[in-house]
PDB file of N, CA and C in Angstrom:
ATOM      1  N   MET A   1      26.374 138.262  30.829  1.00  0.00           N
ATOM      2  CA  MET A   1      27.780 138.146  31.176  1.00  0.00           C
ATOM      3  C   MET A   1      27.951 138.525  32.645  1.00  0.00           C
ATOM      4  N   ASP A   2      28.709 137.769  33.361  1.00  0.00           N
ATOM      5  CA  ASP A   2      28.954 138.006  34.774  1.00  0.00           C
ATOM      6  C   ASP A   2      29.931 139.172  34.950  1.00  0.00           C
ATOM      7  N   ALA A   3      29.571 140.157  35.767  1.00  0.00           N
ATOM      8  CA  ALA A   3      30.418 141.338  35.979  1.00  0.00           C
ATOM      9  C   ALA A   3      31.692 140.992  36.742  1.00  0.00           C
ATOM     10  N   LYS A   4      31.720 139.873  37.420  1.00  0.00           N
ATOM     11  CA  LYS A   4      32.896 139.484  38.200  1.00  0.00           C
ATOM     12  C   LYS A   4      33.908 138.675  37.391  1.00  0.00           C
ATOM     13  N   THR A   5      33.642 138.460  36.127  1.00  0.00           N
ATOM     14  CA  THR A   5      34.540 137.677  35.296  1.00  0.00           C
ATOM     15  C   THR A   5      35.870 138.401  35.146  1.00  0.00           C
ATOM     16  N   ASN A   6      36.956 137.721  35.389  1.00  0.00           N
ATOM     17  CA  ASN A   6      38.294 138.292  35.267  1.00  0.00           C
ATOM     18  C   ASN A   6      38.935 137.747  33.999  1.00  0.00           C
ATOM     19  N   TYR A   7      39.225 138.642  33.077  1.00  0.00           N
ATOM     20  CA  TYR A   7      39.836 138.231  31.822  1.00  0.00           C
ATOM     21  C   TYR A   7      41.346 138.355  31.920  1.00  0.00           C
ATOM     22  N   THR A   8      42.040 137.266  31.757  1.00  0.00           N
ATOM     23  CA  THR A   8      43.492 137.274  31.766  1.00  0.00           C
ATOM     24  C   THR A   8      43.999 136.572  30.516  1.00  0.00           C
ATOM     25  N   SER A   9      45.177 136.958  30.103  1.00  0.00           N
ATOM     26  CA  SER A   9      45.766 136.365  28.916  1.00  0.00           C
ATOM     27  C   SER A   9      47.020 135.595  29.315  1.00  0.00           C
ATOM     28  N   THR A  10      47.209 134.450  28.715  1.00  0.00           N
ATOM     29  CA  THR A  10      48.431 133.688  28.940  1.00  0.00           C
ATOM     30  C   THR A  10      49.358 133.812  27.739  1.00  0.00           C
ATOM     31  N   HIS A  11      48.991 134.645  26.795  1.00  0.00           N
ATOM     32  CA  HIS A  11      49.794 134.855  25.589  1.00  0.00           C
ATOM     33  C   HIS A  11      51.017 135.694  25.960  1.00  0.00           C
ATOM     34  N   ILE A  12      52.205 135.227  25.664  1.00  0.00           N
ATOM     35  CA  ILE A  12      53.451 135.882  26.075  1.00  0.00           C
ATOM     36  C   ILE A  12      53.590 137.286  25.482  1.00  0.00           C
ATOM     37  N   ASP A  13      53.089 137.514  24.277  1.00  0.00           N
ATOM     38  CA  ASP A  13      53.172 138.839  23.669  1.00  0.00           C
ATOM     39  C   ASP A  13      52.388 139.873  24.473  1.00  0.00           C
ATOM     40  N   HIS A  14      51.264 139.477  25.043  1.00  0.00           N
ATOM     41  CA  HIS A  14      50.470 140.381  25.866  1.00  0.00           C
ATOM     42  C   HIS A  14      51.248 140.772  27.121  1.00  0.00           C
ATOM     43  N   GLU A  15      51.926 139.832  27.716  1.00  0.00           N
ATOM     44  CA  GLU A  15      52.714 140.115  28.918  1.00  0.00           C
ATOM     45  C   GLU A  15      53.867 141.078  28.600  1.00  0.00           C
ATOM     46  N   ILE A  16      54.472 140.923  27.445  1.00  0.00           N
ATOM     47  CA  ILE A  16      55.579 141.799  27.047  1.00  0.00           C
ATOM     48  C   ILE A  16      55.083 143.229  26.863  1.00  0.00           C
ATOM     49  N   VAL A  17      53.928 143.392  26.229  1.00  0.00           N
ATOM     50  CA  VAL A  17      53.352 144.724  26.031  1.00  0.00           C
ATOM     51  C   VAL A  17      53.035 145.368  27.378  1.00  0.00           C
ATOM     52  N   LEU A  18      52.430 144.615  28.285  1.00  0.00           N
ATOM     53  CA  LEU A  18      52.118 145.148  29.611  1.00  0.00           C
ATOM     54  C   LEU A  18      53.375 145.538  30.373  1.00  0.00           C
ATOM     55  N   MET A  19      54.412 144.742  30.281  1.00  0.00           N
ATOM     56  CA  MET A  19      55.661 145.057  30.958  1.00  0.00           C
ATOM     57  C   MET A  19      56.277 146.331  30.381  1.00  0.00           C
ATOM     58  N   ASP A  20      56.244 146.473  29.058  1.00  0.00           N
ATOM     59  CA  ASP A  20      56.767 147.680  28.415  1.00  0.00           C
ATOM     60  C   ASP A  20      56.011 148.926  28.852  1.00  0.00           C
ATOM     61  N   GLU A  21      54.710 148.823  29.006  1.00  0.00           N
ATOM     62  CA  GLU A  21      53.877 149.973  29.371  1.00  0.00           C
ATOM     63  C   GLU A  21      54.018 150.358  30.842  1.00  0.00           C
ATOM     64  N   ASN A  22      54.363 149.402  31.699  1.00  0.00           N
ATOM     65  CA  ASN A  22      54.328 149.645  33.143  1.00  0.00           C
ATOM     66  C   ASN A  22      55.687 149.690  33.829  1.00  0.00           C
ATOM     67  N   THR A  23      56.778 149.517  33.087  1.00  0.00           N
ATOM     68  CA  THR A  23      58.107 149.548  33.707  1.00  0.00           C
ATOM     69  C   THR A  23      59.019 150.532  32.994  1.00  0.00           C
ATOM     70  N   CYS A  24      59.996 151.045  33.712  1.00  0.00           N
ATOM     71  CA  CYS A  24      60.961 151.995  33.180  1.00  0.00           C
ATOM     72  C   CYS A  24      61.873 151.295  32.172  1.00  0.00           C
ATOM     73  N   CYS A  25      62.048 151.938  31.022  1.00  0.00           N
ATOM     74  CA  CYS A  25      62.895 151.341  29.990  1.00  0.00           C
ATOM     75  C   CYS A  25      64.382 151.464  30.332  1.00  0.00           C
ATOM     76  N   LEU A  26      64.733 152.305  31.304  1.00  0.00           N
ATOM     77  CA  LEU A  26      66.136 152.472  31.685  1.00  0.00           C
ATOM     78  C   LEU A  26      66.572 151.524  32.794  1.00  0.00           C
ATOM     79  N   CYS A  27      65.716 151.397  33.838  1.00  0.00           N
ATOM     80  CA  CYS A  27      66.148 150.592  34.986  1.00  0.00           C
ATOM     81  C   CYS A  27      65.223 149.423  35.325  1.00  0.00           C
ATOM     82  N   GLY A  28      64.028 149.373  34.721  1.00  0.00           N
ATOM     83  CA  GLY A  28      63.105 148.264  34.972  1.00  0.00           C
ATOM     84  C   GLY A  28      62.210 148.437  36.179  1.00  0.00           C
ATOM     85  N   THR A  29      62.262 149.598  36.838  1.00  0.00           N
ATOM     86  CA  THR A  29      61.410 149.857  37.999  1.00  0.00           C
ATOM     87  C   THR A  29      59.970 150.074  37.550  1.00  0.00           C
ATOM     88  N   GLU A  30      59.015 149.672  38.383  1.00  0.00           N
ATOM     89  CA  GLU A  30      57.604 149.890  38.058  1.00  0.00           C
ATOM     90  C   GLU A  30      57.308 151.389  38.044  1.00  0.00           C
ATOM     91  N   LEU A  31      56.642 151.850  36.988  1.00  0.00           N
ATOM     92  CA  LEU A  31      56.338 153.267  36.837  1.00  0.00           C
ATOM     93  C   LEU A  31      55.227 153.705  37.782  1.00  0.00           C
ATOM     94  N   LYS A  32      55.281 154.979  38.172  1.00  0.00           N
ATOM     95  CA  LYS A  32      54.237 155.597  38.977  1.00  0.00           C
ATOM     96  C   LYS A  32      53.377 156.423  38.026  1.00  0.00           C
ATOM     97  N   PHE A  33      52.061 156.211  38.053  1.00  0.00           N
ATOM     98  CA  PHE A  33      51.136 156.913  37.172  1.00  0.00           C
ATOM     99  C   PHE A  33      50.338 157.936  37.965  1.00  0.00           C
ATOM    100  N   GLU A  34      50.204 159.143  37.399  1.00  0.00           N
ATOM    101  CA  GLU A  34      49.356 160.189  37.968  1.00  0.00           C
ATOM    102  C   GLU A  34      48.330 160.598  36.927  1.00  0.00           C
ATOM    103  N   HIS A  35      47.124 160.873  37.383  1.00  0.00           N
ATOM    104  CA  HIS A  35      46.041 161.271  36.484  1.00  0.00           C
ATOM    105  C   HIS A  35      45.495 162.616  36.933  1.00  0.00           C
ATOM    106  N   LYS A  36      45.475 163.570  36.000  1.00  0.00           N
ATOM    107  CA  LYS A  36      44.950 164.900  36.276  1.00  0.00           C
ATOM    108  C   LYS A  36      43.701 165.093  35.414  1.00  0.00           C
ATOM    109  N   ILE A  37      42.589 165.374  36.079  1.00  0.00           N
ATOM    110  CA  ILE A  37      41.317 165.516  35.387  1.00  0.00           C
ATOM    111  C   ILE A  37      40.992 166.994  35.232  1.00  0.00           C
ATOM    112  N   ASP A  38      40.655 167.397  34.014  1.00  0.00           N
ATOM    113  CA  ASP A  38      40.205 168.757  33.735  1.00  0.00           C
ATOM    114  C   ASP A  38      38.727 168.665  33.376  1.00  0.00           C
ATOM    115  N   TYR A  39      37.870 169.055  34.324  1.00  0.00           N
ATOM    116  CA  TYR A  39      36.433 168.946  34.128  1.00  0.00           C
ATOM    117  C   TYR A  39      35.897 170.006  33.168  1.00  0.00           C
ATOM    118  N   MET A  40      36.639 171.076  32.967  1.00  0.00           N
ATOM    119  CA  MET A  40      36.178 172.134  32.058  1.00  0.00           C
ATOM    120  C   MET A  40      36.227 171.687  30.596  1.00  0.00           C
ATOM    121  N   ILE A  41      37.275 170.995  30.204  1.00  0.00           N
ATOM    122  CA  ILE A  41      37.384 170.531  28.821  1.00  0.00           C
ATOM    123  C   ILE A  41      37.192 169.017  28.701  1.00  0.00           C
ATOM    124  N   LEU A  42      36.824 168.389  29.814  1.00  0.00           N
ATOM    125  CA  LEU A  42      36.536 166.951  29.867  1.00  0.00           C
ATOM    126  C   LEU A  42      37.684 166.106  29.327  1.00  0.00           C
ATOM    127  N   SER A  43      38.827 166.233  29.988  1.00  0.00           N
ATOM    128  CA  SER A  43      39.981 165.433  29.578  1.00  0.00           C
ATOM    129  C   SER A  43      40.724 164.914  30.804  1.00  0.00           C
ATOM    130  N   VAL A  44      41.482 163.866  30.580  1.00  0.00           N
ATOM    131  CA  VAL A  44      42.336 163.283  31.612  1.00  0.00           C
ATOM    132  C   VAL A  44      43.749 163.231  31.068  1.00  0.00           C
ATOM    133  N   LYS A  45      44.694 163.780  31.820  1.00  0.00           N
ATOM    134  CA  LYS A  45      46.092 163.715  31.423  1.00  0.00           C
ATOM    135  C   LYS A  45      46.777 162.681  32.321  1.00  0.00           C
ATOM    136  N   GLU A  46      47.381 161.688  31.673  1.00  0.00           N
ATOM    137  CA  GLU A  46      48.078 160.626  32.387  1.00  0.00           C
ATOM    138  C   GLU A  46      49.577 160.838  32.225  1.00  0.00           C
ATOM    139  N   GLU A  47      50.277 160.889  33.347  1.00  0.00           N
ATOM    140  CA  GLU A  47      51.725 161.046  33.312  1.00  0.00           C
ATOM    141  C   GLU A  47      52.365 159.893  34.068  1.00  0.00           C
ATOM    142  N   ALA A  48      53.383 159.300  33.465  1.00  0.00           N
ATOM    143  CA  ALA A  48      54.110 158.200  34.087  1.00  0.00           C
ATOM    144  C   ALA A  48      55.530 158.656  34.376  1.00  0.00           C
ATOM    145  N   SER A  49      56.010 158.307  35.552  1.00  0.00           N
ATOM    146  CA  SER A  49      57.379 158.653  35.914  1.00  0.00           C
ATOM    147  C   SER A  49      58.019 157.488  36.659  1.00  0.00           C
ATOM    148  N   CYS A  50      59.333 157.466  36.635  1.00  0.00           N
ATOM    149  CA  CYS A  50      60.077 156.410  37.319  1.00  0.00           C
ATOM    150  C   CYS A  50      60.546 156.942  38.672  1.00  0.00           C
ATOM    151  N   PRO A  51      60.147 156.307  39.767  1.00  0.00           N
ATOM    152  CA  PRO A  51      60.581 156.776  41.082  1.00  0.00           C
ATOM    153  C   PRO A  51      62.085 156.572  41.324  1.00  0.00           C
ATOM    154  N   ALA A  52      62.689 155.631  40.636  1.00  0.00           N
ATOM    155  CA  ALA A  52      64.122 155.381  40.820  1.00  0.00           C
ATOM    156  C   ALA A  52      64.969 156.366  40.012  1.00  0.00           C
ATOM    157  N   CYS A  53      64.640 156.542  38.745  1.00  0.00           N
ATOM    158  CA  CYS A  53      65.398 157.438  37.858  1.00  0.00           C
ATOM    159  C   CYS A  53      64.965 158.890  38.004  1.00  0.00           C
ATOM    160  N   ARG A  54      63.753 159.091  38.505  1.00  0.00           N
ATOM    161  CA  ARG A  54      63.160 160.420  38.661  1.00  0.00           C
ATOM    162  C   ARG A  54      63.008 161.161  37.335  1.00  0.00           C
ATOM    163  N   ILE A  55      62.620 160.429  36.294  1.00  0.00           N
ATOM    164  CA  ILE A  55      62.375 161.046  34.998  1.00  0.00           C
ATOM    165  C   ILE A  55      60.948 160.745  34.565  1.00  0.00           C
ATOM    166  N   LYS A  56      60.391 161.638  33.745  1.00  0.00           N
ATOM    167  CA  LYS A  56      59.083 161.388  33.167  1.00  0.00           C
ATOM    168  C   LYS A  56      59.256 160.460  31.982  1.00  0.00           C
ATOM    169  N   MET A  57      58.422 159.436  31.934  1.00  0.00           N
ATOM    170  CA  MET A  57      58.542 158.454  30.864  1.00  0.00           C
ATOM    171  C   MET A  57      57.489 158.662  29.779  1.00  0.00           C
ATOM    172  N   LYS A  58      56.256 158.951  30.178  1.00  0.00           N
ATOM    173  CA  LYS A  58      55.156 159.010  29.224  1.00  0.00           C
ATOM    174  C   LYS A  58      54.161 160.087  29.666  1.00  0.00           C
ATOM    175  N   SER A  59      53.510 160.672  28.690  1.00  0.00           N
ATOM    176  CA  SER A  59      52.430 161.605  28.953  1.00  0.00           C
ATOM    177  C   SER A  59      51.375 161.404  27.857  1.00  0.00           C
ATOM    178  N   LYS A  60      50.141 161.127  28.286  1.00  0.00           N
ATOM    179  CA  LYS A  60      49.059 160.910  27.326  1.00  0.00           C
ATOM    180  C   LYS A  60      47.843 161.710  27.790  1.00  0.00           C
ATOM    181  N   GLU A  61      47.065 162.148  26.832  1.00  0.00           N
ATOM    182  CA  GLU A  61      45.832 162.872  27.159  1.00  0.00           C
ATOM    183  C   GLU A  61      44.647 162.158  26.527  1.00  0.00           C
ATOM    184  N   PHE A  62      43.599 161.998  27.324  1.00  0.00           N
ATOM    185  CA  PHE A  62      42.397 161.300  26.888  1.00  0.00           C
ATOM    186  C   PHE A  62      41.201 162.229  27.000  1.00  0.00           C
ATOM    187  N   VAL A  63      40.302 162.156  26.050  1.00  0.00           N
ATOM    188  CA  VAL A  63      39.088 162.966  26.060  1.00  0.00           C
ATOM    189  C   VAL A  63      37.957 162.152  26.676  1.00  0.00           C
ATOM    190  N   LEU A  64      37.261 162.758  27.628  1.00  0.00           N
ATOM    191  CA  LEU A  64      36.105 162.115  28.232  1.00  0.00           C
ATOM    192  C   LEU A  64      34.884 162.388  27.371  1.00  0.00           C
ATOM    193  N   GLN A  65      34.047 161.401  27.208  1.00  0.00           N
ATOM    194  CA  GLN A  65      32.852 161.587  26.376  1.00  0.00           C
ATOM    195  C   GLN A  65      31.610 161.455  27.195  1.00  0.00           C
TER     196      GLN A  65
END
């Protein structure tokens, strides 16, 4: 498999999911994502906020393996 292959979807449902994940549900502005890595417990905390509304929208934590 070629490492340069770009996989894109033209399925409208995929675009809707991506838009929901990346835009503010209040004003539609693109969200700003910050990632904080904790090397002691091997985790990444992802926080999304809206620069226009100035509110936190999402917070997720991922475990590194």
